[in-house]
Amino acid sequence: LSPRASYSFVDVKCAQIPEDLIEGELFGYEEGTLVGTNEERRGRFDLAHRGTLFFDDIDALDLSIQDKIYRYLQSGKIQRKDGSHNIELDVRVIAATTKNLSKEVAEGRFHADLYARLNLVPLK
């Protein structure tokens, strides 16, 4: 019944995307960033605009990518890989994990501010 129901539901299986590709997969690429292309490439955030982006196994993401997701949640804006301008998007973010994220935060393996933003409506 959500107003987002008619828009995309984009699933990201975090543990299955190689670490060197995840930033581009999530945020997209600027024109000329990828060898052999002359166009920009939309990332998963772009594809989920007005809809929902679901992170499965979010704990598998590197802290630097977690920080970029947190910055999106704070500002509603992303930058594509190698980009210089902000792109405003409206995306509902849902995340899942099998780990105890509060323990991961305490041990320095998960971004504390991102955890606080994601833990607004916890489901078990």
N, C-alpha and C. Protein backbone atom coordinates (compact mmCIF):
# COMPACT_ATOMS: atom_id res chain seq x y z
N LEU A 1 0.81 -1.20 0.00
CA LEU A 1 0.00 0.00 0.00
C LEU A 1 0.85 1.27 0.00
N SER A 2 2.15 1.11 -0.02
CA SER A 2 3.06 2.24 -0.01
C SER A 2 3.01 2.99 -1.34
N PRO A 3 3.22 4.31 -1.32
CA PRO A 3 3.32 5.05 -2.57
C PRO A 3 4.50 4.59 -3.43
N ARG A 4 5.43 3.87 -2.83
CA ARG A 4 6.60 3.37 -3.56
C ARG A 4 6.32 2.04 -4.27
N ALA A 5 5.15 1.47 -4.05
CA ALA A 5 4.83 0.13 -4.55
C ALA A 5 4.94 0.02 -6.07
N SER A 6 4.67 1.07 -6.78
CA SER A 6 4.71 1.00 -8.25
C SER A 6 6.11 1.30 -8.81
N TYR A 7 7.06 1.55 -7.94
CA TYR A 7 8.43 1.82 -8.38
C TYR A 7 9.32 0.61 -8.11
N SER A 8 10.55 0.69 -8.50
CA SER A 8 11.48 -0.44 -8.43
C SER A 8 11.81 -0.88 -7.01
N PHE A 9 11.98 -2.18 -6.86
CA PHE A 9 12.55 -2.80 -5.67
C PHE A 9 13.87 -3.40 -6.15
N VAL A 10 14.97 -2.81 -5.72
CA VAL A 10 16.29 -3.22 -6.19
C VAL A 10 17.01 -3.96 -5.07
N ASP A 11 17.41 -5.18 -5.36
CA ASP A 11 18.06 -6.07 -4.41
C ASP A 11 19.57 -6.04 -4.64
N VAL A 12 20.33 -5.83 -3.56
CA VAL A 12 21.79 -5.85 -3.65
C VAL A 12 22.30 -6.96 -2.73
N LYS A 13 22.86 -7.99 -3.30
CA LYS A 13 23.46 -9.06 -2.52
C LYS A 13 24.91 -8.68 -2.27
N CYS A 14 25.15 -7.98 -1.17
CA CYS A 14 26.44 -7.35 -0.88
C CYS A 14 27.60 -8.33 -0.88
N ALA A 15 27.41 -9.52 -0.37
CA ALA A 15 28.50 -10.49 -0.27
C ALA A 15 28.89 -11.06 -1.62
N GLN A 16 28.07 -10.87 -2.66
CA GLN A 16 28.35 -11.46 -3.97
C GLN A 16 29.00 -10.50 -4.95
N ILE A 17 29.10 -9.23 -4.59
CA ILE A 17 29.70 -8.24 -5.50
C ILE A 17 31.14 -8.00 -5.05
N PRO A 18 32.11 -8.17 -5.96
CA PRO A 18 33.51 -7.97 -5.58
C PRO A 18 33.75 -6.56 -5.04
N GLU A 19 34.64 -6.47 -4.07
CA GLU A 19 34.92 -5.21 -3.39
C GLU A 19 35.35 -4.10 -4.36
N ASP A 20 36.09 -4.45 -5.40
CA ASP A 20 36.56 -3.44 -6.34
C ASP A 20 35.47 -2.94 -7.29
N LEU A 21 34.31 -3.60 -7.31
CA LEU A 21 33.21 -3.19 -8.19
C LEU A 21 32.03 -2.57 -7.46
N ILE A 22 31.98 -2.71 -6.14
CA ILE A 22 30.77 -2.33 -5.39
C ILE A 22 30.43 -0.85 -5.50
N GLU A 23 31.42 0.03 -5.45
CA GLU A 23 31.11 1.46 -5.52
C GLU A 23 30.40 1.81 -6.83
N GLY A 24 30.92 1.34 -7.94
CA GLY A 24 30.29 1.60 -9.23
C GLY A 24 28.92 0.95 -9.35
N GLU A 25 28.77 -0.26 -8.80
CA GLU A 25 27.48 -0.95 -8.82
C GLU A 25 26.42 -0.16 -8.06
N LEU A 26 26.79 0.40 -6.92
CA LEU A 26 25.82 1.13 -6.11
C LEU A 26 25.56 2.53 -6.61
N PHE A 27 26.61 3.26 -6.97
CA PHE A 27 26.48 4.68 -7.27
C PHE A 27 26.58 5.03 -8.75
N GLY A 28 26.99 4.08 -9.56
CA GLY A 28 27.11 4.32 -11.00
C GLY A 28 28.47 4.89 -11.36
N TYR A 29 28.64 5.13 -12.66
CA TYR A 29 29.90 5.63 -13.21
C TYR A 29 29.64 6.88 -14.04
N GLU A 30 30.55 7.80 -14.00
CA GLU A 30 30.49 8.97 -14.87
C GLU A 30 30.92 8.57 -16.29
N GLU A 31 30.56 9.37 -17.23
CA GLU A 31 30.95 9.15 -18.62
C GLU A 31 32.47 9.06 -18.72
N GLY A 32 32.97 8.04 -19.41
CA GLY A 32 34.40 7.89 -19.62
C GLY A 32 35.14 7.16 -18.50
N THR A 33 34.47 6.84 -17.42
CA THR A 33 35.13 6.13 -16.31
C THR A 33 35.45 4.69 -16.70
N LEU A 34 34.51 4.03 -17.36
CA LEU A 34 34.72 2.66 -17.79
C LEU A 34 35.40 2.65 -19.15
N VAL A 35 36.44 1.86 -19.28
CA VAL A 35 37.18 1.77 -20.53
C VAL A 35 36.25 1.27 -21.64
N GLY A 36 36.26 1.96 -22.76
CA GLY A 36 35.47 1.55 -23.91
C GLY A 36 34.04 2.07 -23.91
N THR A 37 33.69 2.94 -22.96
CA THR A 37 32.34 3.50 -22.96
C THR A 37 32.39 5.01 -23.01
N ASN A 38 31.39 5.59 -23.64
CA ASN A 38 31.28 7.04 -23.72
C ASN A 38 29.98 7.53 -23.11
N GLU A 39 29.47 6.79 -22.15
CA GLU A 39 28.22 7.19 -21.51
C GLU A 39 28.29 6.89 -20.02
N GLU A 40 27.44 7.59 -19.28
CA GLU A 40 27.38 7.30 -17.85
C GLU A 40 26.61 6.00 -17.64
N ARG A 41 26.85 5.39 -16.49
CA ARG A 41 26.14 4.15 -16.14
C ARG A 41 25.46 4.35 -14.80
N ARG A 42 24.17 4.13 -14.77
CA ARG A 42 23.40 4.29 -13.54
C ARG A 42 23.70 3.15 -12.58
N GLY A 43 23.78 3.48 -11.30
CA GLY A 43 23.99 2.47 -10.27
C GLY A 43 22.67 2.03 -9.65
N ARG A 44 22.77 1.19 -8.64
CA ARG A 44 21.57 0.65 -8.00
C ARG A 44 20.76 1.73 -7.29
N PHE A 45 21.43 2.74 -6.74
CA PHE A 45 20.68 3.84 -6.13
C PHE A 45 19.82 4.53 -7.18
N ASP A 46 20.40 4.84 -8.35
CA ASP A 46 19.64 5.45 -9.45
C ASP A 46 18.46 4.57 -9.85
N LEU A 47 18.70 3.28 -9.96
CA LEU A 47 17.66 2.36 -10.41
C LEU A 47 16.51 2.25 -9.41
N ALA A 48 16.80 2.53 -8.14
CA ALA A 48 15.78 2.45 -7.10
C ALA A 48 15.08 3.78 -6.84
N HIS A 49 15.39 4.82 -7.60
CA HIS A 49 14.80 6.14 -7.37
C HIS A 49 13.28 6.04 -7.24
N ARG A 50 12.75 6.61 -6.17
CA ARG A 50 11.34 6.60 -5.78
C ARG A 50 10.87 5.24 -5.25
N GLY A 51 11.75 4.24 -5.30
CA GLY A 51 11.40 2.90 -4.83
C GLY A 51 12.23 2.50 -3.62
N THR A 52 12.61 1.23 -3.60
CA THR A 52 13.28 0.65 -2.44
C THR A 52 14.58 -0.03 -2.87
N LEU A 53 15.61 0.18 -2.07
CA LEU A 53 16.90 -0.47 -2.26
C LEU A 53 17.13 -1.38 -1.06
N PHE A 54 17.25 -2.68 -1.32
CA PHE A 54 17.41 -3.67 -0.26
C PHE A 54 18.83 -4.21 -0.26
N PHE A 55 19.55 -3.99 0.85
CA PHE A 55 20.91 -4.51 1.01
C PHE A 55 20.84 -5.82 1.79
N ASP A 56 21.16 -6.92 1.13
CA ASP A 56 21.24 -8.21 1.80
C ASP A 56 22.68 -8.42 2.24
N ASP A 57 22.89 -8.79 3.50
CA ASP A 57 24.23 -8.95 4.08
C ASP A 57 25.02 -7.64 4.04
N ILE A 58 24.42 -6.58 4.52
CA ILE A 58 25.07 -5.26 4.49
C ILE A 58 26.39 -5.26 5.26
N ASP A 59 26.54 -6.16 6.21
CA ASP A 59 27.78 -6.24 6.98
C ASP A 59 28.97 -6.64 6.11
N ALA A 60 28.73 -7.17 4.91
CA ALA A 60 29.82 -7.58 4.02
C ALA A 60 30.48 -6.40 3.33
N LEU A 61 29.90 -5.22 3.43
CA LEU A 61 30.45 -4.04 2.75
C LEU A 61 31.62 -3.45 3.52
N ASP A 62 32.59 -2.95 2.80
CA ASP A 62 33.74 -2.25 3.36
C ASP A 62 33.27 -0.97 4.07
N LEU A 63 34.00 -0.57 5.09
CA LEU A 63 33.63 0.63 5.86
C LEU A 63 33.54 1.88 4.99
N SER A 64 34.37 1.99 3.95
CA SER A 64 34.32 3.19 3.10
C SER A 64 33.00 3.24 2.31
N ILE A 65 32.49 2.11 1.89
CA ILE A 65 31.21 2.07 1.19
C ILE A 65 30.08 2.30 2.18
N GLN A 66 30.20 1.74 3.38
CA GLN A 66 29.21 2.01 4.42
C GLN A 66 29.10 3.52 4.67
N ASP A 67 30.24 4.20 4.68
CA ASP A 67 30.24 5.65 4.89
C ASP A 67 29.50 6.36 3.77
N LYS A 68 29.67 5.92 2.54
CA LYS A 68 28.98 6.56 1.41
C LYS A 68 27.47 6.33 1.49
N ILE A 69 27.07 5.16 1.94
CA ILE A 69 25.64 4.89 2.12
C ILE A 69 25.10 5.79 3.22
N TYR A 70 25.84 5.92 4.31
CA TYR A 70 25.44 6.80 5.41
C TYR A 70 25.29 8.24 4.91
N ARG A 71 26.24 8.71 4.11
CA ARG A 71 26.16 10.08 3.58
C ARG A 71 24.92 10.26 2.71
N TYR A 72 24.55 9.21 1.94
CA TYR A 72 23.30 9.31 1.18
C TYR A 72 22.11 9.45 2.13
N LEU A 73 22.07 8.63 3.16
CA LEU A 73 20.94 8.68 4.10
C LEU A 73 20.84 10.03 4.80
N GLN A 74 21.95 10.69 4.99
CA GLN A 74 21.96 12.02 5.61
C GLN A 74 21.50 13.11 4.64
N SER A 75 21.96 13.02 3.40
CA SER A 75 21.75 14.12 2.46
C SER A 75 20.73 13.86 1.36
N GLY A 76 20.47 12.58 1.05
CA GLY A 76 19.60 12.25 -0.08
C GLY A 76 20.29 12.43 -1.42
N LYS A 77 21.63 12.53 -1.39
CA LYS A 77 22.39 12.76 -2.62
C LYS A 77 23.53 11.76 -2.73
N ILE A 78 23.85 11.39 -3.97
CA ILE A 78 24.99 10.52 -4.25
C ILE A 78 25.92 11.22 -5.23
N GLN A 79 27.11 10.68 -5.35
CA GLN A 79 28.02 11.04 -6.43
C GLN A 79 28.42 9.75 -7.12
N ARG A 80 28.38 9.75 -8.44
CA ARG A 80 28.83 8.58 -9.18
C ARG A 80 30.34 8.41 -9.01
N LYS A 81 30.82 7.21 -9.26
CA LYS A 81 32.26 6.95 -9.17
C LYS A 81 32.98 7.90 -10.11
N ASP A 82 33.98 8.56 -9.60
CA ASP A 82 34.76 9.58 -10.32
C ASP A 82 33.92 10.80 -10.69
N GLY A 83 32.78 10.97 -10.04
CA GLY A 83 31.90 12.10 -10.32
C GLY A 83 32.27 13.33 -9.50
N SER A 84 31.79 14.47 -9.94
CA SER A 84 32.07 15.71 -9.23
C SER A 84 30.81 16.47 -8.85
N HIS A 85 29.63 15.97 -9.25
CA HIS A 85 28.41 16.67 -8.88
C HIS A 85 27.45 15.72 -8.15
N ASN A 86 26.61 16.30 -7.32
CA ASN A 86 25.65 15.53 -6.54
C ASN A 86 24.40 15.24 -7.35
N ILE A 87 23.83 14.06 -7.12
CA ILE A 87 22.59 13.65 -7.76
C ILE A 87 21.60 13.38 -6.64
N GLU A 88 20.50 14.12 -6.65
CA GLU A 88 19.49 13.96 -5.60
C GLU A 88 18.54 12.82 -5.96
N LEU A 89 18.37 11.91 -5.03
CA LEU A 89 17.52 10.74 -5.24
C LEU A 89 16.60 10.53 -4.04
N ASP A 90 15.50 9.85 -4.29
CA ASP A 90 14.55 9.50 -3.24
C ASP A 90 14.46 7.98 -3.18
N VAL A 91 15.17 7.39 -2.23
CA VAL A 91 15.25 5.93 -2.14
C VAL A 91 14.99 5.50 -0.70
N ARG A 92 14.09 4.54 -0.53
CA ARG A 92 13.92 3.91 0.78
C ARG A 92 14.96 2.80 0.87
N VAL A 93 15.71 2.78 1.98
CA VAL A 93 16.77 1.79 2.17
C VAL A 93 16.35 0.81 3.26
N ILE A 94 16.46 -0.47 2.93
CA ILE A 94 16.23 -1.56 3.88
C ILE A 94 17.47 -2.43 3.86
N ALA A 95 17.90 -2.89 5.03
CA ALA A 95 19.10 -3.71 5.10
C ALA A 95 18.86 -4.94 5.95
N ALA A 96 19.54 -6.03 5.58
CA ALA A 96 19.46 -7.28 6.34
C ALA A 96 20.85 -7.78 6.64
N THR A 97 20.95 -8.52 7.74
CA THR A 97 22.21 -9.12 8.13
C THR A 97 21.92 -10.31 9.03
N THR A 98 22.86 -11.22 9.09
CA THR A 98 22.75 -12.33 10.04
C THR A 98 23.66 -12.10 11.24
N LYS A 99 24.40 -11.00 11.20
CA LYS A 99 25.33 -10.69 12.29
C LYS A 99 24.69 -9.73 13.29
N ASN A 100 25.24 -9.68 14.47
CA ASN A 100 24.84 -8.72 15.50
C ASN A 100 25.57 -7.41 15.20
N LEU A 101 24.88 -6.46 14.57
CA LEU A 101 25.55 -5.24 14.14
C LEU A 101 26.02 -4.37 15.30
N SER A 102 25.34 -4.40 16.43
CA SER A 102 25.83 -3.61 17.56
C SER A 102 27.19 -4.14 18.02
N LYS A 103 27.38 -5.45 17.96
CA LYS A 103 28.69 -6.04 18.28
C LYS A 103 29.71 -5.67 17.21
N GLU A 104 29.30 -5.71 15.95
CA GLU A 104 30.20 -5.33 14.85
C GLU A 104 30.65 -3.87 14.99
N VAL A 105 29.73 -2.99 15.41
CA VAL A 105 30.07 -1.58 15.64
C VAL A 105 31.09 -1.49 16.76
N ALA A 106 30.85 -2.18 17.87
CA ALA A 106 31.74 -2.14 19.03
C ALA A 106 33.14 -2.63 18.68
N GLU A 107 33.23 -3.55 17.72
CA GLU A 107 34.52 -4.11 17.33
C GLU A 107 35.13 -3.39 16.12
N GLY A 108 34.49 -2.29 15.68
CA GLY A 108 35.04 -1.47 14.60
C GLY A 108 34.86 -2.02 13.21
N ARG A 109 33.96 -2.97 13.03
CA ARG A 109 33.75 -3.57 11.72
C ARG A 109 32.51 -3.06 11.00
N PHE A 110 31.72 -2.22 11.68
CA PHE A 110 30.54 -1.64 11.03
C PHE A 110 30.43 -0.18 11.45
N HIS A 111 30.04 0.65 10.51
CA HIS A 111 29.94 2.10 10.68
C HIS A 111 28.86 2.43 11.71
N ALA A 112 29.24 3.04 12.82
CA ALA A 112 28.31 3.32 13.93
C ALA A 112 27.14 4.21 13.51
N ASP A 113 27.41 5.27 12.76
CA ASP A 113 26.34 6.18 12.35
C ASP A 113 25.38 5.51 11.36
N LEU A 114 25.91 4.69 10.48
CA LEU A 114 25.05 3.96 9.55
C LEU A 114 24.15 2.99 10.33
N TYR A 115 24.72 2.32 11.28
CA TYR A 115 23.92 1.41 12.12
C TYR A 115 22.78 2.17 12.79
N ALA A 116 23.07 3.33 13.33
CA ALA A 116 22.03 4.13 14.00
C ALA A 116 20.93 4.52 13.02
N ARG A 117 21.29 4.88 11.79
CA ARG A 117 20.30 5.26 10.77
C ARG A 117 19.47 4.07 10.30
N LEU A 118 20.10 2.91 10.18
CA LEU A 118 19.38 1.73 9.70
C LEU A 118 18.53 1.09 10.80
N ASN A 119 18.88 1.31 12.03
CA ASN A 119 18.22 0.64 13.14
C ASN A 119 16.99 1.40 13.65
N LEU A 120 16.42 2.26 12.84
CA LEU A 120 15.24 3.04 13.25
C LEU A 120 14.02 2.15 13.42
N VAL A 121 13.86 1.17 12.54
CA VAL A 121 12.74 0.24 12.62
C VAL A 121 13.31 -1.17 12.46
N PRO A 122 13.81 -1.75 13.55
CA PRO A 122 14.40 -3.09 13.42
C PRO A 122 13.33 -4.18 13.32
N LEU A 123 13.60 -5.15 12.49
CA LEU A 123 12.75 -6.33 12.34
C LEU A 123 13.60 -7.55 12.66
N LYS A 124 13.05 -8.46 13.45
CA LYS A 124 13.80 -9.67 13.78
C LYS A 124 13.02 -10.88 13.31
